[in-house]
Amino acid sequence: MASRTGRPVAAVLTLGCKLNLADSGEIAAGLRSAGFEVVDQVCEADAYVINTCSVTHVADAKSRKLIRSMRRLAPQARVAVTGCYPQSAGFDAVRELGADFVAGTRDADKSELVRFLAAGAAAPAAPGESSPAPLAPGLTRAFVKAQEGCNDVCAFCIVPRTRGREESRPVEAVAAEVQRAVEAGAREVVVTGTQLGAWGRDLDPPLRPHHLISGILERTEVLRLRFSSLQPQDITPELLALWQDPRLMPHFHLALQSGSEAILAAMRRRYTAAEFLRAAERIRAAVPGVAITTDVIAGFPGETEADFAATLALCREVGFARIHAFPYSQRSRTAAARMPGQLGPEVKKERMARLLALAEELSLAFRRAHAGTVRPVLWEEEKAGCWFGHTDNYIPVYAVAPGQDLRNRVTPVHLGEVYHDGVRGTLPTEAP
């Protein structure tokens, strides 16, 4: 299938986390440099890249379904699969689903994937593209990987097996990629990693995340910078002091998982519930208007009703702007899979319902607390005559602006009526 430019088309489809988005961006850049036109949606194409997730059994099922679907959609196309699912299920199992090429999660694997697809499509090198572009045309937000792998041994998590040992990229390399994204038009860059708070501890001499952030700020012209995920032990005074720079967005993602001290210990998390709460308090004291978002697991083995109540209570006390809620998923080759006290699906379903209800309540409360304020919004896309974007503290905003092209612009916006999934925004040229 040739595009309007005459180039073969590659569809890069991504499941899972922000790290996968960064990896997909790297693959897409390599494919563009090799002569492909790259899209990020299901369509008829010459080649497909499916970047998979394996964090839960549901993610596994989605990965399998997408591989099979693309194989049926285009029997003659080349299908390449990468990401965490091949690492957990095995490469042979992925080939049996219809993949022509299977790659792991490391950069060398992704480079080999690009070479395989380029050879199969006989794609001509794109003129004037001697090195991969860091950002697809038209995107407003870029994802840059700073770190790969995890040395932690959380009882429920398969990611150390799928992503391998920790490996930090030098700050100079990360900053250079951020600057390339800025020069390509990105207004906002999200720095991501498997265990981002571990960045630097494998370097010589060892460094901490605040060294990475300050290095990016010093070396780049990035307008808006986000740091994807941290843990309470990463929230140091040196880190928080950097948020005096207005280029750092007032948004922290701290993975809680449970508010019960007993369950956190069973999960092998490296903090207590009390330490999590203190970290959240330090963030709120240092960063006005901050959004704190989190991940929570319901129904971990041995979780009692009192344990779950402690989780709900801590969530309410922190006042999260958003909760990513997951039922516990039993993953083979993890310690939690062998633990006594495995809970039945009905218990997990009931607790998930309560957790999701609280998540919606807290999200609405956070947005209502900002109604009537003015915050900067990065406009991302227009759909059905309505512009969509995010504030600096990651509130979704919708605005009607007839005749205006707001894409990839940052404007002050008056936040008004609260919707179920965002707020109504009014541009300064309109009456609030």
Protein backbone atom coordinates (compact mmCIF):
# COMPACT_ATOMS: atom_id res chain seq x y z
CA MET A 1 0.00 0.00 0.00
CA ALA A 2 1.55 3.31 -1.05
CA SER A 3 0.68 6.55 0.69
CA ARG A 4 -0.03 9.83 -1.05
CA THR A 5 3.72 10.46 -0.93
CA GLY A 6 4.42 7.17 -2.68
CA ARG A 7 6.05 5.72 0.42
CA PRO A 8 5.08 2.42 2.04
CA VAL A 9 2.94 2.76 5.15
CA ALA A 10 3.83 1.42 8.59
CA ALA A 11 1.28 1.42 11.43
CA VAL A 12 2.87 1.61 14.89
CA LEU A 13 0.29 0.52 17.47
CA THR A 14 1.01 0.93 21.17
CA LEU A 15 -0.44 -0.69 24.27
CA GLY A 16 0.52 0.11 27.84
CA CYS A 17 2.60 2.74 29.56
CA LYS A 18 4.38 6.00 28.73
CA LEU A 19 7.64 4.08 28.37
CA ASN A 20 6.03 2.11 25.54
CA LEU A 21 5.01 5.40 23.94
CA ALA A 22 8.64 6.53 24.08
CA ASP A 23 9.78 3.23 22.56
CA SER A 24 7.15 3.48 19.82
CA GLY A 25 8.32 6.99 19.05
CA GLU A 26 11.86 5.70 18.63
CA ILE A 27 10.68 2.91 16.32
CA ALA A 28 8.51 5.31 14.31
CA ALA A 29 11.45 7.68 13.88
CA GLY A 30 13.59 4.84 12.57
CA LEU A 31 10.88 3.79 10.14
CA ARG A 32 10.43 7.34 8.85
CA SER A 33 14.18 7.57 8.36
CA ALA A 34 14.05 4.28 6.44
CA GLY A 35 11.47 5.69 4.03
CA PHE A 36 8.09 4.75 5.55
CA GLU A 37 5.12 6.96 6.15
CA VAL A 38 4.17 6.16 9.75
CA VAL A 39 0.68 6.22 11.27
CA ASP A 40 -0.42 5.41 14.80
CA GLN A 41 -3.82 3.87 14.11
CA VAL A 42 -5.28 0.69 12.70
CA CYS A 43 -5.48 0.91 8.91
CA GLU A 44 -4.43 -0.97 5.81
CA ALA A 45 -0.62 -0.85 5.79
CA ASP A 46 2.48 -2.53 4.40
CA ALA A 47 3.90 -3.18 7.87
CA TYR A 48 2.65 -3.25 11.44
CA VAL A 49 4.54 -2.75 14.67
CA ILE A 50 2.63 -3.87 17.76
CA ASN A 51 4.26 -2.61 20.95
CA THR A 52 2.71 -4.76 23.66
CA CYS A 53 2.08 -4.68 27.39
CA SER A 54 2.11 -7.53 29.90
CA VAL A 55 1.51 -5.83 33.23
CA THR A 56 -1.75 -7.77 33.81
CA HIS A 57 -3.51 -10.75 32.29
CA VAL A 58 -5.90 -8.28 30.65
CA ALA A 59 -2.93 -6.56 28.98
CA ASP A 60 -1.75 -9.96 27.74
CA ALA A 61 -5.17 -10.64 26.23
CA LYS A 62 -5.23 -7.24 24.50
CA SER A 63 -1.79 -7.88 23.06
CA ARG A 64 -2.78 -11.28 21.69
CA LYS A 65 -5.99 -9.90 20.20
CA LEU A 66 -4.21 -7.03 18.45
CA ILE A 67 -1.58 -9.33 16.94
CA ARG A 68 -4.22 -11.70 15.58
CA SER A 69 -6.37 -8.83 14.30
CA MET A 70 -3.54 -7.23 12.32
CA ARG A 71 -2.60 -10.58 10.85
CA ARG A 72 -6.17 -11.04 9.62
CA LEU A 73 -6.49 -7.45 8.42
CA ALA A 74 -3.44 -7.61 6.15
CA PRO A 75 -2.27 -11.16 5.46
CA GLN A 76 0.46 -9.95 3.07
CA ALA A 77 1.87 -7.28 5.40
CA ARG A 78 4.79 -7.83 7.71
CA VAL A 79 3.83 -7.88 11.39
CA ALA A 80 6.52 -7.13 13.98
CA VAL A 81 5.84 -7.43 17.71
CA THR A 82 7.86 -5.89 20.51
CA GLY A 83 7.36 -4.77 24.12
CA CYS A 84 6.77 -6.72 27.30
CA TYR A 85 4.40 -9.45 26.09
CA PRO A 86 7.04 -11.37 24.08
CA GLN A 87 9.32 -11.23 27.12
CA SER A 88 6.68 -12.80 29.37
CA ALA A 89 4.98 -15.22 26.95
CA GLY A 90 8.05 -16.22 24.96
CA PHE A 91 9.01 -15.34 21.38
CA ASP A 92 7.75 -18.65 19.94
CA ALA A 93 4.28 -18.11 21.41
CA VAL A 94 4.13 -14.68 19.78
CA ARG A 95 5.18 -16.09 16.40
CA GLU A 96 2.36 -18.63 16.67
CA LEU A 97 -0.08 -15.71 16.89
CA GLY A 98 1.03 -14.51 13.47
CA ALA A 99 4.09 -12.33 14.05
CA ASP A 100 6.75 -12.34 11.34
CA PHE A 101 9.35 -10.79 13.64
CA VAL A 102 9.57 -10.63 17.42
CA ALA A 103 11.78 -8.19 19.30
CA GLY A 104 12.59 -7.66 22.96
CA THR A 105 12.46 -4.44 24.91
CA ARG A 106 16.01 -3.16 24.50
CA ASP A 107 17.15 -0.56 21.97
CA ALA A 108 19.20 -3.06 19.93
CA ASP A 109 16.07 -5.20 19.48
CA LYS A 110 14.10 -2.22 18.19
CA SER A 111 16.84 -1.30 15.73
CA GLU A 112 16.77 -4.84 14.36
CA LEU A 113 12.97 -4.60 14.05
CA VAL A 114 13.29 -1.45 11.89
CA ARG A 115 15.89 -3.12 9.66
CA PHE A 116 13.62 -6.15 9.21
CA LEU A 117 10.61 -4.09 8.13
CA ALA A 118 12.66 -1.80 5.90
CA ALA A 119 14.17 -4.77 4.09
CA GLY A 120 10.78 -6.38 3.60
CA ALA A 121 9.18 -3.27 2.13
CA ALA A 122 12.26 -2.25 0.15
CA ALA A 123 11.55 1.24 1.40
CA PRO A 124 13.67 4.00 -0.13
CA ALA A 125 15.55 6.15 2.34
CA ALA A 126 13.64 9.34 2.98
CA PRO A 127 15.39 12.30 1.38
CA GLY A 128 17.19 14.55 3.79
CA GLU A 129 16.66 12.22 6.77
CA SER A 130 20.12 10.99 7.68
CA SER A 131 19.09 10.50 11.32
CA PRO A 132 15.73 9.63 12.88
CA ALA A 133 13.40 12.53 13.59
CA PRO A 134 12.57 12.60 17.32
CA LEU A 135 8.93 13.52 16.83
CA ALA A 136 6.21 12.59 14.38
CA PRO A 137 4.87 15.55 12.42
CA GLY A 138 1.90 17.23 14.07
CA LEU A 139 2.39 15.85 17.57
CA THR A 140 2.40 18.26 20.49
CA ARG A 141 3.91 16.05 23.20
CA ALA A 142 7.06 13.91 22.94
CA PHE A 143 8.09 11.01 25.19
CA VAL A 144 11.79 10.59 25.90
CA LYS A 145 13.21 7.56 27.67
CA ALA A 146 15.81 8.27 30.34
CA GLN A 147 16.05 4.88 31.98
CA GLU A 148 15.30 1.22 31.29
CA GLY A 149 14.81 -1.77 33.59
CA CYS A 150 14.07 -2.32 37.27
CA ASN A 151 16.10 -3.98 40.04
CA ASP A 152 13.22 -3.96 42.54
CA VAL A 153 11.43 -7.19 43.42
CA CYS A 154 7.84 -6.08 44.05
CA ALA A 155 5.88 -9.25 44.74
CA PHE A 156 3.15 -8.60 42.17
CA CYS A 157 5.23 -7.25 39.28
CA ILE A 158 6.51 -9.03 36.20
CA VAL A 159 8.18 -5.94 34.75
CA PRO A 160 11.73 -6.72 36.02
CA ARG A 161 11.50 -9.92 33.99
CA THR A 162 10.25 -8.16 30.87
CA ARG A 163 12.40 -5.01 31.04
CA GLY A 164 15.59 -6.39 32.60
CA ARG A 165 18.10 -4.71 34.90
CA GLU A 166 18.34 -0.99 35.44
CA GLU A 167 20.27 1.01 32.89
CA SER A 168 20.38 4.82 32.91
CA ARG A 169 21.00 6.94 29.86
CA PRO A 170 23.54 9.76 30.36
CA VAL A 171 21.96 13.11 31.05
CA GLU A 172 23.65 14.55 27.96
CA ALA A 173 21.95 11.96 25.73
CA VAL A 174 18.54 12.53 27.30
CA ALA A 175 18.86 16.30 27.07
CA ALA A 176 19.95 16.08 23.42
CA GLU A 177 16.85 14.03 22.58
CA VAL A 178 14.62 16.47 24.45
CA GLN A 179 16.13 19.36 22.49
CA ARG A 180 15.61 17.52 19.19
CA ALA A 181 11.96 17.09 20.11
CA VAL A 182 11.71 20.80 20.90
CA GLU A 183 13.32 21.73 17.58
CA ALA A 184 10.85 19.42 15.81
CA GLY A 185 7.96 21.38 17.31
CA ALA A 186 7.08 19.68 20.59
CA ARG A 187 5.85 22.12 23.21
CA GLU A 188 5.90 19.50 25.94
CA VAL A 189 8.24 16.60 26.71
CA VAL A 190 7.56 13.74 29.11
CA VAL A 191 10.67 12.05 30.50
CA THR A 192 9.94 8.42 31.23
CA GLY A 193 11.51 5.14 32.32
CA THR A 194 10.73 1.75 33.82
CA GLN A 195 11.76 2.90 37.30
CA LEU A 196 12.48 6.57 36.75
CA GLY A 197 13.37 7.26 40.36
CA ALA A 198 16.26 4.81 39.96
CA TRP A 199 17.84 6.96 37.26
CA GLY A 200 21.51 7.55 37.93
CA ARG A 201 22.21 4.98 40.62
CA ASP A 202 24.01 2.74 38.12
CA LEU A 203 26.17 5.59 36.77
CA ASP A 204 29.74 6.36 37.86
CA PRO A 205 29.61 8.45 39.94
CA PRO A 206 26.03 7.69 41.03
CA LEU A 207 23.49 10.46 40.42
CA ARG A 208 19.91 11.18 41.47
CA PRO A 209 16.81 12.21 39.48
CA HIS A 210 17.26 15.88 40.38
CA HIS A 211 20.57 15.81 38.47
CA LEU A 212 18.72 14.57 35.40
CA ILE A 213 16.00 17.21 35.61
CA SER A 214 18.41 20.09 36.23
CA GLY A 215 20.58 18.85 33.35
CA ILE A 216 17.63 18.89 30.97
CA LEU A 217 16.56 22.36 32.08
CA GLU A 218 20.10 23.71 31.67
CA ARG A 219 20.71 22.16 28.25
CA THR A 220 17.37 22.60 26.48
CA GLU A 221 14.76 25.14 25.49
CA VAL A 222 11.84 22.88 26.47
CA LEU A 223 8.70 24.87 27.25
CA ARG A 224 6.89 22.27 29.37
CA LEU A 225 8.62 19.32 31.05
CA ARG A 226 6.99 16.39 32.86
CA PHE A 227 8.62 13.58 34.82
CA SER A 228 6.43 10.52 34.41
CA SER A 229 6.50 8.51 37.66
CA LEU A 230 8.27 8.54 41.01
CA GLN A 231 8.04 6.89 44.42
CA PRO A 232 7.91 8.57 47.85
CA GLN A 233 11.60 7.94 48.57
CA ASP A 234 12.46 9.94 45.44
CA ILE A 235 10.80 13.13 46.73
CA THR A 236 13.86 14.92 48.10
CA PRO A 237 14.33 18.62 48.92
CA GLU A 238 16.77 18.89 45.99
CA LEU A 239 14.14 17.51 43.64
CA LEU A 240 11.30 19.74 44.85
CA ALA A 241 13.49 22.85 44.70
CA LEU A 242 13.65 22.45 40.92
CA TRP A 243 9.90 23.05 40.65
CA GLN A 244 10.55 26.75 41.12
CA ASP A 245 11.29 26.67 37.39
CA PRO A 246 7.96 27.30 35.61
CA ARG A 247 8.93 24.89 32.83
CA LEU A 248 8.38 21.97 35.21
CA MET A 249 4.70 21.10 35.22
CA PRO A 250 2.87 20.91 38.60
CA HIS A 251 2.02 17.23 38.27
CA PHE A 252 3.53 14.28 40.15
CA HIS A 253 2.64 10.65 39.57
CA LEU A 254 3.36 8.65 42.74
CA ALA A 255 2.51 4.96 42.62
CA LEU A 256 0.74 4.06 45.88
CA GLN A 257 -0.53 0.50 45.14
CA SER A 258 -1.98 0.13 48.68
CA GLY A 259 -2.65 2.28 51.73
CA SER A 260 -2.23 -0.64 54.12
CA GLU A 261 1.11 -0.99 55.90
CA ALA A 262 0.72 -4.78 55.99
CA ILE A 263 -0.07 -5.05 52.28
CA LEU A 264 2.72 -2.67 51.28
CA ALA A 265 5.15 -4.89 53.19
CA ALA A 266 3.74 -8.01 51.50
CA MET A 267 4.06 -6.27 48.14
CA ARG A 268 7.74 -5.52 48.94
CA ARG A 269 7.30 -1.82 48.27
CA ARG A 270 10.15 0.36 49.52
CA TYR A 271 8.01 2.78 51.54
CA THR A 272 5.28 2.79 54.16
CA ALA A 273 1.86 4.38 53.95
CA ALA A 274 3.02 7.03 56.42
CA GLU A 275 6.05 7.83 54.24
CA PHE A 276 3.82 8.11 51.19
CA LEU A 277 1.56 10.58 52.97
CA ARG A 278 4.55 12.69 54.09
CA ALA A 279 5.90 12.77 50.52
CA ALA A 280 2.53 13.98 49.23
CA GLU A 281 2.45 16.67 51.91
CA ARG A 282 5.94 17.86 50.93
CA ILE A 283 4.89 18.08 47.29
CA ARG A 284 1.78 20.13 48.10
CA ALA A 285 3.79 22.50 50.27
CA ALA A 286 6.37 23.08 47.54
CA VAL A 287 4.24 23.17 44.37
CA PRO A 288 1.06 25.32 44.34
CA GLY A 289 -1.90 23.89 42.42
CA VAL A 290 -0.15 20.55 42.02
CA ALA A 291 -1.94 17.44 40.75
CA ILE A 292 -0.87 14.17 42.37
CA THR A 293 -1.95 11.06 40.50
CA THR A 294 -1.37 7.43 41.41
CA ASP A 295 -1.76 3.70 40.75
CA VAL A 296 -3.71 1.47 43.16
CA ILE A 297 -4.20 -2.31 43.18
CA ALA A 298 -7.38 -3.77 44.67
CA GLY A 299 -7.55 -7.35 45.90
CA PHE A 300 -3.90 -8.20 46.54
CA PRO A 301 -3.50 -11.66 48.17
CA GLY A 302 -4.33 -11.49 51.87
CA GLU A 303 -5.93 -8.04 51.62
CA THR A 304 -8.59 -7.80 54.33
CA GLU A 305 -11.52 -5.43 54.38
CA ALA A 306 -9.57 -3.34 56.91
CA ASP A 307 -6.57 -3.22 54.56
CA PHE A 308 -8.76 -2.05 51.70
CA ALA A 309 -10.45 0.52 53.94
CA ALA A 310 -6.98 1.88 54.79
CA THR A 311 -6.29 2.27 51.07
CA LEU A 312 -9.50 4.21 50.50
CA ALA A 313 -8.81 6.38 53.53
CA LEU A 314 -5.29 7.26 52.38
CA CYS A 315 -6.51 8.04 48.87
CA ARG A 316 -9.08 10.40 50.31
CA GLU A 317 -6.52 12.04 52.61
CA VAL A 318 -4.08 12.67 49.77
CA GLY A 319 -6.86 13.89 47.47
CA PHE A 320 -5.53 12.41 44.26
CA ALA A 321 -6.36 14.18 41.02
CA ARG A 322 -6.56 10.83 39.28
CA ILE A 323 -6.33 7.20 40.34
CA HIS A 324 -5.36 4.47 37.89
CA ALA A 325 -7.11 1.49 39.49
CA PHE A 326 -6.31 -2.15 38.78
CA PRO A 327 -7.61 -5.42 40.19
CA TYR A 328 -4.77 -7.66 41.32
CA SER A 329 -3.64 -9.83 38.41
CA GLN A 330 -1.96 -13.13 39.26
CA ARG A 331 1.25 -13.22 37.19
CA SER A 332 3.28 -16.41 36.93
CA ARG A 333 6.89 -16.20 38.10
CA THR A 334 6.06 -13.57 40.71
CA ALA A 335 6.11 -14.04 44.48
CA ALA A 336 2.51 -12.89 44.88
CA ALA A 337 1.24 -15.65 42.60
CA ARG A 338 2.33 -18.21 45.21
CA MET A 339 1.00 -16.33 48.23
CA PRO A 340 -1.86 -17.71 50.34
CA GLY A 341 -5.06 -15.73 50.61
CA GLN A 342 -5.75 -15.30 46.90
CA LEU A 343 -9.04 -13.41 46.64
CA GLY A 344 -11.90 -14.47 44.40
CA PRO A 345 -13.01 -12.48 41.37
CA GLU A 346 -16.20 -11.27 43.04
CA VAL A 347 -14.28 -9.74 45.95
CA LYS A 348 -11.88 -8.00 43.58
CA LYS A 349 -14.75 -6.80 41.41
CA GLU A 350 -16.60 -5.32 44.39
CA ARG A 351 -13.51 -3.56 45.70
CA MET A 352 -12.68 -2.23 42.27
CA ALA A 353 -16.16 -0.74 42.04
CA ARG A 354 -15.64 1.15 45.30
CA LEU A 355 -12.15 2.24 44.27
CA LEU A 356 -13.37 3.52 40.91
CA ALA A 357 -16.23 5.40 42.57
CA LEU A 358 -13.76 7.10 44.90
CA ALA A 359 -11.44 7.86 41.97
CA GLU A 360 -14.28 9.62 40.17
CA GLU A 361 -15.25 11.55 43.30
CA LEU A 362 -11.69 12.78 43.91
CA SER A 363 -11.11 13.64 40.26
CA LEU A 364 -14.27 15.75 40.19
CA ALA A 365 -13.30 17.45 43.45
CA PHE A 366 -9.87 18.35 42.04
CA ARG A 367 -11.36 19.84 38.88
CA ARG A 368 -14.04 21.72 40.82
CA ALA A 369 -11.34 23.19 43.06
CA HIS A 370 -9.79 24.79 39.97
CA ALA A 371 -13.03 26.10 38.45
CA GLY A 372 -12.83 29.84 38.10
CA THR A 373 -9.04 29.88 37.83
CA VAL A 374 -6.87 30.66 34.82
CA ARG A 375 -4.23 28.11 33.82
CA PRO A 376 -2.05 27.56 30.75
CA VAL A 377 -3.33 24.90 28.34
CA LEU A 378 -1.41 23.09 25.64
CA TRP A 379 -3.91 22.50 22.83
CA GLU A 380 -3.48 19.08 21.25
CA GLU A 381 -6.25 18.43 18.74
CA GLU A 382 -9.61 19.55 17.39
CA LYS A 383 -12.52 17.12 17.35
CA ALA A 384 -16.04 17.94 16.17
CA GLY A 385 -15.38 21.67 16.34
CA CYS A 386 -14.05 21.51 19.90
CA TRP A 387 -10.41 21.98 20.89
CA PHE A 388 -8.89 19.65 23.46
CA GLY A 389 -5.80 20.07 25.62
CA HIS A 390 -4.35 19.80 29.13
CA THR A 391 -3.53 22.39 31.73
CA ASP A 392 -0.10 22.45 33.32
CA ASN A 393 -1.53 20.33 36.17
CA TYR A 394 -3.04 17.93 33.63
CA ILE A 395 -6.72 18.82 33.77
CA PRO A 396 -8.40 17.91 30.44
CA VAL A 397 -9.92 21.04 28.89
CA TYR A 398 -12.44 21.49 26.06
CA ALA A 399 -13.00 24.82 24.33
CA VAL A 400 -14.86 26.14 21.30
CA ALA A 401 -12.79 28.59 19.28
CA PRO A 402 -14.36 29.13 15.83
CA GLY A 403 -11.87 30.05 13.15
CA GLN A 404 -8.83 29.60 15.38
CA ASP A 405 -6.06 27.07 14.90
CA LEU A 406 -4.92 26.31 18.45
CA ARG A 407 -2.96 23.14 17.74
CA ASN A 408 0.36 23.04 19.60
CA ARG A 409 -0.20 26.46 21.13
CA VAL A 410 -0.10 27.24 24.86
CA THR A 411 -2.67 29.82 25.91
CA PRO A 412 -4.13 31.01 29.22
CA VAL A 413 -7.60 29.58 29.71
CA HIS A 414 -10.36 30.36 32.17
CA LEU A 415 -11.60 27.07 33.64
CA GLY A 416 -15.34 26.83 34.03
CA GLU A 417 -18.02 24.16 33.98
CA VAL A 418 -16.84 20.73 35.12
CA TYR A 419 -17.61 17.80 32.81
CA HIS A 420 -17.41 14.10 33.63
CA ASP A 421 -14.00 13.88 31.94
CA GLY A 422 -12.66 17.43 32.02
CA VAL A 423 -13.66 21.08 32.22
CA ARG A 424 -14.96 23.73 29.85
CA GLY A 425 -12.34 26.29 28.94
CA THR A 426 -12.86 29.87 27.85
CA LEU A 427 -10.16 31.68 25.91
CA PRO A 428 -9.19 35.21 26.99
CA THR A 429 -10.91 36.71 23.93
CA GLU A 430 -14.25 35.39 25.19
CA ALA A 431 -16.29 36.36 28.22
CA PRO A 432 -15.74 33.84 31.04
